Amino acid sequence: MNPRVSSILTINGGSSSLRFAIYEPGEPSQKSLSGTVDRIGLSGTTLMFDTADGKHSTLTLTASDHTSVAVFLIG
């Protein structure tokens, strides 16, 4: 049986945005992904993220509230 690999998700919410990062456990922990979701609850909600190797991506989302964004990130 292989041990399950876990990651740590951090979330910081603002009035219409959410910032997040994913860390891989270890000593020290390593950030593998970070980004923001802007304009939550408004038209043109945007997810922008950067990977540890420097790749940047942007997606358009439909997100009515912070809970729907958190569910999207966790899922």
Protein backbone atom coordinates (compact mmCIF):
# COMPACT_ATOMS: atom_id res chain seq x y z
CA MET A 1 0.00 0.00 0.00
CA ASN A 2 1.33 3.45 -0.94
CA PRO A 3 1.03 6.24 1.62
CA ARG A 4 -1.32 9.02 0.58
CA VAL A 5 0.44 12.20 -0.50
CA SER A 6 -1.10 15.30 1.10
CA SER A 7 -0.88 18.97 0.27
CA ILE A 8 -1.69 22.06 2.31
CA LEU A 9 -4.17 24.58 0.89
CA THR A 10 -4.14 28.12 2.34
CA ILE A 11 -6.97 30.55 1.60
CA ASN A 12 -7.24 34.28 2.36
CA GLY A 13 -10.53 35.92 1.47
CA GLY A 14 -11.24 39.59 0.76
CA SER A 15 -14.48 41.41 -0.04
CA SER A 16 -14.62 40.26 -3.69
CA SER A 17 -11.42 38.24 -4.04
CA LEU A 18 -9.70 35.18 -2.69
CA ARG A 19 -5.98 34.40 -2.61
CA PHE A 20 -4.70 30.86 -2.28
CA ALA A 21 -1.57 28.75 -2.26
CA ILE A 22 -0.83 25.03 -2.22
CA TYR A 23 2.21 23.77 -0.34
CA GLU A 24 3.85 20.36 -0.45
CA PRO A 25 4.80 19.12 3.03
CA GLY A 26 8.45 18.79 3.94
CA GLU A 27 11.24 20.64 5.67
CA PRO A 28 10.88 23.30 4.48
CA SER A 29 7.51 23.10 2.77
CA GLN A 30 7.50 24.03 -0.93
CA LYS A 31 4.87 26.19 -2.65
CA SER A 32 3.62 24.33 -5.72
CA LEU A 33 0.84 26.68 -6.84
CA SER A 34 -0.49 30.12 -5.92
CA GLY A 35 -3.10 32.45 -7.29
CA THR A 36 -6.11 34.70 -6.93
CA VAL A 37 -9.77 34.73 -7.83
CA ASP A 38 -11.00 38.28 -8.48
CA ARG A 39 -14.49 39.76 -8.95
CA ILE A 40 -16.30 37.07 -6.95
CA GLY A 41 -20.06 37.58 -7.26
CA LEU A 42 -19.62 39.92 -10.22
CA SER A 43 -19.43 39.38 -13.96
CA GLY A 44 -15.97 38.51 -15.25
CA THR A 45 -14.77 36.44 -12.29
CA THR A 46 -11.16 35.51 -13.05
CA LEU A 47 -8.91 32.77 -11.68
CA MET A 48 -5.20 33.51 -12.14
CA PHE A 49 -2.51 31.14 -10.91
CA ASP A 50 1.22 30.50 -11.12
CA THR A 51 2.96 27.14 -10.79
CA ALA A 52 6.28 26.54 -9.04
CA ASP A 53 8.01 26.30 -12.42
CA GLY A 54 6.84 29.82 -13.39
CA LYS A 55 3.90 29.01 -15.68
CA HIS A 56 1.01 31.50 -15.50
CA SER A 57 -2.60 30.70 -16.40
CA THR A 58 -5.87 32.64 -16.39
CA LEU A 59 -9.41 31.21 -16.50
CA THR A 60 -12.86 32.77 -16.39
CA LEU A 61 -15.19 31.33 -13.73
CA THR A 62 -18.80 31.66 -12.71
CA ALA A 63 -18.67 32.18 -8.95
CA SER A 64 -21.59 33.65 -7.07
CA ASP A 65 -19.84 33.73 -3.69
CA HIS A 66 -16.69 32.83 -1.76
CA THR A 67 -18.08 29.41 -0.79
CA SER A 68 -18.43 28.35 -4.43
CA VAL A 69 -14.82 29.39 -5.08
CA ALA A 70 -13.56 27.44 -2.03
CA VAL A 71 -15.49 24.34 -3.16
CA PHE A 72 -13.96 24.70 -6.63
CA LEU A 73 -10.42 24.93 -5.19
CA ILE A 74 -10.86 22.01 -2.81
CA GLY A 75 -12.63 19.80 -5.36
